[in-house]
PDB file of N, CA and C in Angstrom:
ATOM      1  N   MET A   1     -32.906  49.417 -13.371  1.00  0.00           N
ATOM      2  CA  MET A   1     -33.150  47.868 -13.597  1.00  0.00           C
ATOM      3  C   MET A   1     -32.887  47.142 -12.513  1.00  0.00           C
ATOM      4  N   GLY A   2     -33.653  46.108 -12.751  1.00  0.00           N
ATOM      5  CA  GLY A   2     -33.752  45.256 -11.278  1.00  0.00           C
ATOM      6  C   GLY A   2     -32.433  44.049 -11.949  1.00  0.00           C
ATOM      7  N   GLY A   3     -31.293  43.624 -10.724  1.00  0.00           N
ATOM      8  CA  GLY A   3     -30.513  42.555 -11.187  1.00  0.00           C
ATOM      9  C   GLY A   3     -29.188  43.126 -11.147  1.00  0.00           C
ATOM     10  N   GLU A   4     -29.027  44.427 -11.227  1.00  0.00           N
ATOM     11  CA  GLU A   4     -27.155  44.655 -11.036  1.00  0.00           C
ATOM     12  C   GLU A   4     -26.695  43.956 -10.216  1.00  0.00           C
ATOM     13  N   GLY A   5     -27.249  43.943  -8.895  1.00  0.00           N
ATOM     14  CA  GLY A   5     -26.587  43.310  -7.712  1.00  0.00           C
ATOM     15  C   GLY A   5     -26.317  41.875  -7.871  1.00  0.00           C
ATOM     16  N   SER A   6     -27.010  41.146  -8.745  1.00  0.00           N
ATOM     17  CA  SER A   6     -26.680  39.857  -8.677  1.00  0.00           C
ATOM     18  C   SER A   6     -25.602  39.462  -9.822  1.00  0.00           C
ATOM     19  N   MET A   7     -25.674  40.745 -10.777  1.00  0.00           N
ATOM     20  CA  MET A   7     -24.724  40.512 -12.269  1.00  0.00           C
ATOM     21  C   MET A   7     -23.638  40.817 -11.676  1.00  0.00           C
ATOM     22  N   MET A   8     -23.417  41.844 -10.734  1.00  0.00           N
ATOM     23  CA  MET A   8     -22.046  42.086 -10.228  1.00  0.00           C
ATOM     24  C   MET A   8     -21.573  41.248  -9.327  1.00  0.00           C
ATOM     25  N   ARG A   9     -22.519  40.581  -8.729  1.00  0.00           N
ATOM     26  CA  ARG A   9     -21.763  39.291  -7.681  1.00  0.00           C
ATOM     27  C   ARG A   9     -21.599  38.388  -8.625  1.00  0.00           C
ATOM     28  N   MET A  10     -21.829  38.019  -9.504  1.00  0.00           N
ATOM     29  CA  MET A  10     -21.656  36.768 -10.658  1.00  0.00           C
ATOM     30  C   MET A  10     -20.297  37.311 -11.346  1.00  0.00           C
ATOM     31  N   ILE A  11     -20.050  38.449 -11.901  1.00  0.00           N
ATOM     32  CA  ILE A  11     -18.729  38.787 -12.277  1.00  0.00           C
ATOM     33  C   ILE A  11     -17.721  38.755 -11.081  1.00  0.00           C
ATOM     34  N   HIS A  12     -17.872  39.066 -10.007  1.00  0.00           N
ATOM     35  CA  HIS A  12     -16.836  39.284  -8.976  1.00  0.00           C
ATOM     36  C   HIS A  12     -16.418  37.519  -8.572  1.00  0.00           C
ATOM     37  N   THR A  13     -17.622  36.496  -8.597  1.00  0.00           N
ATOM     38  CA  THR A  13     -17.353  35.174  -8.348  1.00  0.00           C
ATOM     39  C   THR A  13     -16.440  34.678  -9.387  1.00  0.00           C
ATOM     40  N   LEU A  14     -16.981  35.141 -10.961  1.00  0.00           N
ATOM     41  CA  LEU A  14     -16.098  34.615 -11.845  1.00  0.00           C
ATOM     42  C   LEU A  14     -14.750  35.005 -11.915  1.00  0.00           C
ATOM     43  N   ARG A  15     -14.504  36.108 -11.467  1.00  0.00           N
ATOM     44  CA  ARG A  15     -13.204  36.796 -10.986  1.00  0.00           C
ATOM     45  C   ARG A  15     -12.369  36.093 -10.206  1.00  0.00           C
ATOM     46  N   ASN A  16     -13.006  35.806  -9.353  1.00  0.00           N
ATOM     47  CA  ASN A  16     -12.438  35.002  -7.912  1.00  0.00           C
ATOM     48  C   ASN A  16     -12.038  33.867  -8.492  1.00  0.00           C
ATOM     49  N   ASN A  17     -12.921  32.899  -9.079  1.00  0.00           N
ATOM     50  CA  ASN A  17     -12.439  31.706  -9.500  1.00  0.00           C
ATOM     51  C   ASN A  17     -11.589  31.605 -10.459  1.00  0.00           C
ATOM     52  N   LYS A  18     -11.309  32.390 -11.246  1.00  0.00           N
ATOM     53  CA  LYS A  18     -10.169  32.617 -12.325  1.00  0.00           C
ATOM     54  C   LYS A  18      -9.262  32.590 -11.752  1.00  0.00           C
ATOM     55  N   SER A  19      -8.992  33.842 -10.582  1.00  0.00           N
ATOM     56  CA  SER A  19      -7.808  34.040  -9.871  1.00  0.00           C
ATOM     57  C   SER A  19      -7.456  32.807  -9.196  1.00  0.00           C
ATOM     58  N   MET A  20      -8.081  32.080  -8.411  1.00  0.00           N
ATOM     59  CA  MET A  20      -7.643  30.994  -7.640  1.00  0.00           C
ATOM     60  C   MET A  20      -7.312  30.033  -8.634  1.00  0.00           C
ATOM     61  N   LEU A  21      -7.858  29.491  -9.896  1.00  0.00           N
ATOM     62  CA  LEU A  21      -7.318  28.790 -10.842  1.00  0.00           C
ATOM     63  C   LEU A  21      -6.146  28.720 -11.260  1.00  0.00           C
ATOM     64  N   THR A  22      -5.725  30.231 -11.484  1.00  0.00           N
ATOM     65  CA  THR A  22      -4.434  30.593 -11.955  1.00  0.00           C
ATOM     66  C   THR A  22      -3.182  30.220 -10.568  1.00  0.00           C
ATOM     67  N   LYS A  23      -3.706  30.373  -9.185  1.00  0.00           N
ATOM     68  CA  LYS A  23      -2.839  30.267  -8.619  1.00  0.00           C
ATOM     69  C   LYS A  23      -2.808  28.559  -8.302  1.00  0.00           C
ATOM     70  N   ARG A  24      -3.660  27.864  -8.450  1.00  0.00           N
ATOM     71  CA  ARG A  24      -3.454  26.329  -8.179  1.00  0.00           C
ATOM     72  C   ARG A  24      -2.657  25.939  -9.179  1.00  0.00           C
ATOM     73  N   LYS A  25      -2.831  26.374 -10.573  1.00  0.00           N
ATOM     74  CA  LYS A  25      -1.800  25.960 -11.583  1.00  0.00           C
ATOM     75  C   LYS A  25      -0.219  26.265 -11.317  1.00  0.00           C
ATOM     76  N   GLU A  26      -0.168  27.157 -10.674  1.00  0.00           N
ATOM     77  CA  GLU A  26       1.458  27.608 -10.237  1.00  0.00           C
ATOM     78  C   GLU A  26       2.089  26.749  -9.008  1.00  0.00           C
ATOM     79  N   ARG A  27       1.146  25.945  -8.328  1.00  0.00           N
ATOM     80  CA  ARG A  27       1.704  24.973  -7.212  1.00  0.00           C
ATOM     81  C   ARG A  27       1.764  23.650  -7.873  1.00  0.00           C
ATOM     82  N   LYS A  28       2.230  23.458  -8.939  1.00  0.00           N
ATOM     83  CA  LYS A  28       2.386  21.832  -9.463  1.00  0.00           C
ATOM     84  C   LYS A  28       3.344  21.442  -8.705  1.00  0.00           C
ATOM     85  N   ALA A  29       3.390  20.192  -8.150  1.00  0.00           N
ATOM     86  CA  ALA A  29       4.213  19.695  -7.190  1.00  0.00           C
ATOM     87  C   ALA A  29       5.258  18.913  -8.154  1.00  0.00           C
ATOM     88  N   LEU A  30       4.783  18.507  -9.487  1.00  0.00           N
ATOM     89  CA  LEU A  30       6.006  17.745 -10.346  1.00  0.00           C
ATOM     90  C   LEU A  30       6.030  18.704 -11.539  1.00  0.00           C
ATOM     91  N   GLN A  31       7.286  19.148 -11.673  1.00  0.00           N
ATOM     92  CA  GLN A  31       7.530  19.653 -13.006  1.00  0.00           C
ATOM     93  C   GLN A  31       8.406  19.173 -13.824  1.00  0.00           C
ATOM     94  N   GLY A  32       8.562  19.361 -14.857  1.00  0.00           N
ATOM     95  CA  GLY A  32       9.810  18.736 -15.753  1.00  0.00           C
ATOM     96  C   GLY A  32       9.295  17.887 -16.848  1.00  0.00           C
ATOM     97  N   SER A  33      10.068  17.368 -17.868  1.00  0.00           N
ATOM     98  CA  SER A  33       9.703  16.447 -18.493  1.00  0.00           C
ATOM     99  C   SER A  33      10.056  15.024 -18.309  1.00  0.00           C
ATOM    100  N   TYR A  34       9.282  14.160 -18.530  1.00  0.00           N
ATOM    101  CA  TYR A  34       9.366  12.814 -18.143  1.00  0.00           C
ATOM    102  C   TYR A  34       9.638  12.222 -19.377  1.00  0.00           C
ATOM    103  N   ALA A  35       9.941  12.615 -20.591  1.00  0.00           N
ATOM    104  CA  ALA A  35       9.837  11.827 -21.733  1.00  0.00           C
ATOM    105  C   ALA A  35      10.852  10.569 -21.860  1.00  0.00           C
ATOM    106  N   ASN A  36      12.306  11.136 -21.169  1.00  0.00           N
ATOM    107  CA  ASN A  36      13.420   9.931 -20.924  1.00  0.00           C
ATOM    108  C   ASN A  36      13.362   9.122 -19.996  1.00  0.00           C
ATOM    109  N   ILE A  37      12.108   9.035 -19.083  1.00  0.00           N
ATOM    110  CA  ILE A  37      11.934   8.237 -17.763  1.00  0.00           C
ATOM    111  C   ILE A  37      11.802   6.864 -18.365  1.00  0.00           C
ATOM    112  N   LYS A  38      12.008   5.699 -18.510  1.00  0.00           N
ATOM    113  CA  LYS A  38      11.827   4.166 -18.739  1.00  0.00           C
ATOM    114  C   LYS A  38      11.164   3.338 -17.447  1.00  0.00           C
ATOM    115  N   LEU A  39      10.019   3.168 -17.803  1.00  0.00           N
ATOM    116  CA  LEU A  39       9.515   2.372 -16.732  1.00  0.00           C
ATOM    117  C   LEU A  39       9.707   0.974 -17.071  1.00  0.00           C
ATOM    118  N   GLU A  40      10.190   0.131 -16.169  1.00  0.00           N
ATOM    119  CA  GLU A  40      10.349  -1.009 -15.912  1.00  0.00           C
ATOM    120  C   GLU A  40       9.372  -2.015 -14.962  1.00  0.00           C
ATOM    121  N   PHE A  41       8.807  -2.692 -15.425  1.00  0.00           N
ATOM    122  CA  PHE A  41       7.813  -3.923 -14.743  1.00  0.00           C
ATOM    123  C   PHE A  41       8.308  -4.980 -14.622  1.00  0.00           C
ATOM    124  N   PRO A  42       8.442  -5.563 -13.464  1.00  0.00           N
ATOM    125  CA  PRO A  42       8.902  -7.086 -13.455  1.00  0.00           C
ATOM    126  C   PRO A  42       8.251  -8.039 -14.357  1.00  0.00           C
ATOM    127  N   LYS A  43       9.053  -8.970 -14.888  1.00  0.00           N
ATOM    128  CA  LYS A  43       8.241  -9.832 -15.891  1.00  0.00           C
ATOM    129  C   LYS A  43       7.798 -11.191 -15.036  1.00  0.00           C
ATOM    130  N   ALA A  44       6.540 -11.279 -15.255  1.00  0.00           N
ATOM    131  CA  ALA A  44       5.769 -12.420 -14.279  1.00  0.00           C
ATOM    132  C   ALA A  44       5.828 -13.654 -15.147  1.00  0.00           C
ATOM    133  N   THR A  45       6.478 -14.658 -14.317  1.00  0.00           N
ATOM    134  CA  THR A  45       6.475 -16.146 -14.701  1.00  0.00           C
ATOM    135  C   THR A  45       5.171 -16.612 -14.452  1.00  0.00           C
ATOM    136  N   PRO A  46       4.934 -17.913 -15.412  1.00  0.00           N
ATOM    137  CA  PRO A  46       3.578 -18.560 -15.308  1.00  0.00           C
ATOM    138  C   PRO A  46       3.379 -18.941 -13.903  1.00  0.00           C
ATOM    139  N   GLU A  47       3.867 -19.287 -13.199  1.00  0.00           N
ATOM    140  CA  GLU A  47       3.675 -19.805 -11.719  1.00  0.00           C
ATOM    141  C   GLU A  47       3.147 -18.548 -10.965  1.00  0.00           C
ATOM    142  N   VAL A  48       3.611 -17.363 -11.352  1.00  0.00           N
ATOM    143  CA  VAL A  48       3.215 -16.080 -10.549  1.00  0.00           C
ATOM    144  C   VAL A  48       1.746 -15.738 -11.151  1.00  0.00           C
ATOM    145  N   ILE A  49       1.602 -15.708 -12.256  1.00  0.00           N
ATOM    146  CA  ILE A  49       0.356 -15.610 -12.800  1.00  0.00           C
ATOM    147  C   ILE A  49      -1.051 -16.472 -12.264  1.00  0.00           C
ATOM    148  N   ILE A  50      -0.544 -17.989 -12.313  1.00  0.00           N
ATOM    149  CA  ILE A  50      -1.247 -18.878 -11.691  1.00  0.00           C
ATOM    150  C   ILE A  50      -1.557 -18.345 -10.543  1.00  0.00           C
ATOM    151  N   ARG A  51      -0.825 -18.058  -9.777  1.00  0.00           N
ATOM    152  CA  ARG A  51      -1.150 -17.847  -7.955  1.00  0.00           C
ATOM    153  C   ARG A  51      -1.926 -16.757  -8.057  1.00  0.00           C
ATOM    154  N   ILE A  52      -1.796 -15.674  -8.839  1.00  0.00           N
ATOM    155  CA  ILE A  52      -2.518 -14.394  -8.972  1.00  0.00           C
ATOM    156  C   ILE A  52      -3.944 -14.979  -9.123  1.00  0.00           C
ATOM    157  N   ARG A  53      -4.005 -15.733 -10.243  1.00  0.00           N
ATOM    158  CA  ARG A  53      -5.598 -16.051 -10.688  1.00  0.00           C
ATOM    159  C   ARG A  53      -6.013 -16.444  -9.637  1.00  0.00           C
ATOM    160  N   GLU A  54      -5.359 -17.666  -9.075  1.00  0.00           N
ATOM    161  CA  GLU A  54      -5.936 -18.387  -7.715  1.00  0.00           C
ATOM    162  C   GLU A  54      -6.648 -17.418  -6.898  1.00  0.00           C
ATOM    163  N   LYS A  55      -5.644 -16.635  -6.391  1.00  0.00           N
ATOM    164  CA  LYS A  55      -6.060 -15.565  -5.268  1.00  0.00           C
ATOM    165  C   LYS A  55      -7.268 -14.831  -5.697  1.00  0.00           C
ATOM    166  N   VAL A  56      -7.277 -14.415  -6.996  1.00  0.00           N
ATOM    167  CA  VAL A  56      -8.572 -13.447  -7.296  1.00  0.00           C
ATOM    168  C   VAL A  56      -9.461 -14.585  -7.290  1.00  0.00           C
ATOM    169  N   ILE A  57      -9.545 -15.223  -7.838  1.00  0.00           N
ATOM    170  CA  ILE A  57     -10.728 -16.496  -7.651  1.00  0.00           C
ATOM    171  C   ILE A  57     -11.566 -17.108  -6.479  1.00  0.00           C
ATOM    172  N   ARG A  58     -10.375 -17.327  -5.307  1.00  0.00           N
ATOM    173  CA  ARG A  58     -10.654 -17.303  -4.017  1.00  0.00           C
ATOM    174  C   ARG A  58     -11.355 -16.000  -3.464  1.00  0.00           C
ATOM    175  N   GLN A  59     -10.711 -15.044  -3.785  1.00  0.00           N
ATOM    176  CA  GLN A  59     -11.467 -13.699  -3.239  1.00  0.00           C
ATOM    177  C   GLN A  59     -12.886 -13.447  -3.890  1.00  0.00           C
ATOM    178  N   GLN A  60     -12.845 -13.616  -5.033  1.00  0.00           N
ATOM    179  CA  GLN A  60     -14.438 -13.478  -5.633  1.00  0.00           C
ATOM    180  C   GLN A  60     -15.510 -14.576  -5.180  1.00  0.00           C
ATOM    181  N   LYS A  61     -14.976 -15.819  -4.608  1.00  0.00           N
ATOM    182  CA  LYS A  61     -15.825 -16.959  -3.975  1.00  0.00           C
ATOM    183  C   LYS A  61     -16.437 -16.356  -2.501  1.00  0.00           C
ATOM    184  N   GLN A  62     -15.162 -15.759  -1.866  1.00  0.00           N
ATOM    185  CA  GLN A  62     -15.610 -15.104  -0.458  1.00  0.00           C
ATOM    186  C   GLN A  62     -16.422 -14.160  -0.450  1.00  0.00           C
ATOM    187  N   THR A  63     -16.164 -13.195  -1.497  1.00  0.00           N
ATOM    188  CA  THR A  63     -17.235 -11.968  -1.950  1.00  0.00           C
ATOM    189  C   THR A  63     -18.825 -12.409  -2.127  1.00  0.00           C
ATOM    190  N   LYS A  64     -18.877 -13.727  -3.089  1.00  0.00           N
ATOM    191  CA  LYS A  64     -19.961 -14.026  -3.505  1.00  0.00           C
ATOM    192  C   LYS A  64     -20.696 -14.616  -2.042  1.00  0.00           C
ATOM    193  N   LYS A  65     -19.802 -15.419  -1.286  1.00  0.00           N
ATOM    194  CA  LYS A  65     -20.692 -16.174  -0.061  1.00  0.00           C
ATOM    195  C   LYS A  65     -20.936 -14.976   0.565  1.00  0.00           C
ATOM    196  N   ARG A  66     -20.091 -14.045   1.138  1.00  0.00           N
ATOM    197  CA  ARG A  66     -20.589 -12.743   1.907  1.00  0.00           C
ATOM    198  C   ARG A  66     -21.927 -12.203   1.454  1.00  0.00           C
ATOM    199  N   GLN A  67     -22.181 -12.050   0.409  1.00  0.00           N
ATOM    200  CA  GLN A  67     -23.051 -11.273  -0.362  1.00  0.00           C
ATOM    201  C   GLN A  67     -24.473 -12.091   0.072  1.00  0.00           C
ATOM    202  N   PHE A  68     -24.372 -13.378  -0.409  1.00  0.00           N
ATOM    203  CA  PHE A  68     -25.500 -14.526  -0.247  1.00  0.00           C
ATOM    204  C   PHE A  68     -25.754 -14.463   1.324  1.00  0.00           C
ATOM    205  N   ILE A  69     -24.977 -14.478   2.073  1.00  0.00           N
ATOM    206  CA  ILE A  69     -25.268 -14.544   3.525  1.00  0.00           C
ATOM    207  C   ILE A  69     -25.670 -13.465   3.925  1.00  0.00           C
ATOM    208  N   ALA A  70     -25.202 -12.162   3.597  1.00  0.00           N
ATOM    209  CA  ALA A  70     -25.915 -10.831   3.907  1.00  0.00           C
ATOM    210  C   ALA A  70     -27.525 -10.814   3.204  1.00  0.00           C
ATOM    211  N   LEU A  71     -27.703 -11.161   2.007  1.00  0.00           N
ATOM    212  CA  LEU A  71     -29.032 -11.188   1.281  1.00  0.00           C
ATOM    213  C   LEU A  71     -29.765 -12.282   2.097  1.00  0.00           C
ATOM    214  N   GLY A  72     -29.393 -13.294   2.458  1.00  0.00           N
ATOM    215  CA  GLY A  72     -30.271 -14.182   3.335  1.00  0.00           C
ATOM    216  C   GLY A  72     -30.587 -13.500   4.484  1.00  0.00           C
ATOM    217  N   ILE A  73     -29.839 -13.193   5.491  1.00  0.00           N
ATOM    218  CA  ILE A  73     -30.222 -12.301   6.404  1.00  0.00           C
ATOM    219  C   ILE A  73     -31.000 -11.315   6.195  1.00  0.00           C
ATOM    220  N   VAL A  74     -30.770 -10.414   5.289  1.00  0.00           N
ATOM    221  CA  VAL A  74     -31.927  -9.400   5.075  1.00  0.00           C
ATOM    222  C   VAL A  74     -33.227  -9.826   4.831  1.00  0.00           C
ATOM    223  N   LEU A  75     -33.362 -10.931   3.696  1.00  0.00           N
ATOM    224  CA  LEU A  75     -34.430 -11.608   3.628  1.00  0.00           C
ATOM    225  C   LEU A  75     -35.059 -12.200   4.684  1.00  0.00           C
ATOM    226  N   THR A  76     -34.579 -12.807   5.589  1.00  0.00           N
ATOM    227  CA  THR A  76     -35.169 -13.437   6.827  1.00  0.00           C
ATOM    228  C   THR A  76     -35.612 -12.351   7.693  1.00  0.00           C
ATOM    229  N   PHE A  77     -35.091 -11.500   7.865  1.00  0.00           N
ATOM    230  CA  PHE A  77     -35.485 -10.318   8.512  1.00  0.00           C
ATOM    231  C   PHE A  77     -36.915  -9.631   8.058  1.00  0.00           C
ATOM    232  N   LEU A  78     -36.729  -9.489   6.566  1.00  0.00           N
ATOM    233  CA  LEU A  78     -37.966  -9.132   5.951  1.00  0.00           C
ATOM    234  C   LEU A  78     -39.162  -9.874   5.995  1.00  0.00           C
ATOM    235  N   ILE A  79     -39.039 -10.945   5.861  1.00  0.00           N
ATOM    236  CA  ILE A  79     -40.016 -12.271   5.986  1.00  0.00           C
ATOM    237  C   ILE A  79     -40.552 -12.009   7.695  1.00  0.00           C
ATOM    238  N   ILE A  80     -39.772 -12.202   8.398  1.00  0.00           N
ATOM    239  CA  ILE A  80     -40.234 -12.099   9.814  1.00  0.00           C
ATOM    240  C   ILE A  80     -41.061 -10.794  10.171  1.00  0.00           C
ATOM    241  N   LEU A  81     -40.265  -9.609   9.679  1.00  0.00           N
ATOM    242  CA  LEU A  81     -41.255  -8.870   9.937  1.00  0.00           C
ATOM    243  C   LEU A  81     -42.493  -8.287   9.164  1.00  0.00           C
ATOM    244  N   PHE A  82     -42.888  -9.003   7.970  1.00  0.00           N
ATOM    245  CA  PHE A  82     -43.939  -8.904   7.310  1.00  0.00           C
ATOM    246  C   PHE A  82     -45.097  -9.975   8.221  1.00  0.00           C
ATOM    247  N   ILE A  83     -44.649 -10.974   8.571  1.00  0.00           N
ATOM    248  CA  ILE A  83     -45.190 -11.998   9.036  1.00  0.00           C
ATOM    249  C   ILE A  83     -45.873 -11.596  10.561  1.00  0.00           C
ATOM    250  N   ASN A  84     -45.285 -10.652  11.114  1.00  0.00           N
ATOM    251  CA  ASN A  84     -45.595 -10.180  12.764  1.00  0.00           C
ATOM    252  C   ASN A  84     -46.578  -8.927  12.238  1.00  0.00           C
ATOM    253  N   ILE A  85     -46.655  -8.752  10.875  1.00  0.00           N
ATOM    254  CA  ILE A  85     -47.501  -7.504  10.854  1.00  0.00           C
ATOM    255  C   ILE A  85     -48.925  -7.883  10.700  1.00  0.00           C
TER     256      ILE A  85
END
C-alpha cells in the first residue's frame, strides 16, 4: 500500500514533538507556590491621576497630529502622481 513512508514520518514527528514538549516543561524558570505573596501597589492621589490623564491626552493629540500629517503627505503624493499620468 502507498503512504507507509508518510505515515511513519508523521508518527516520528509526533513522537519528537511530544518529547520536546516534556523537556520544555521540565525547564521552568519559576517554581513553587505564590499563594502567600501579597502584591502591593502604590496608592494614586487625585493629583497623580490628573497628571496621568493629561499626559495620555497630550500623547493622543500628538499621535492624531502625526497621523493627519502622514495622511496629508500620502494624499498629496497620490494626487501629484495621478495628475502627472
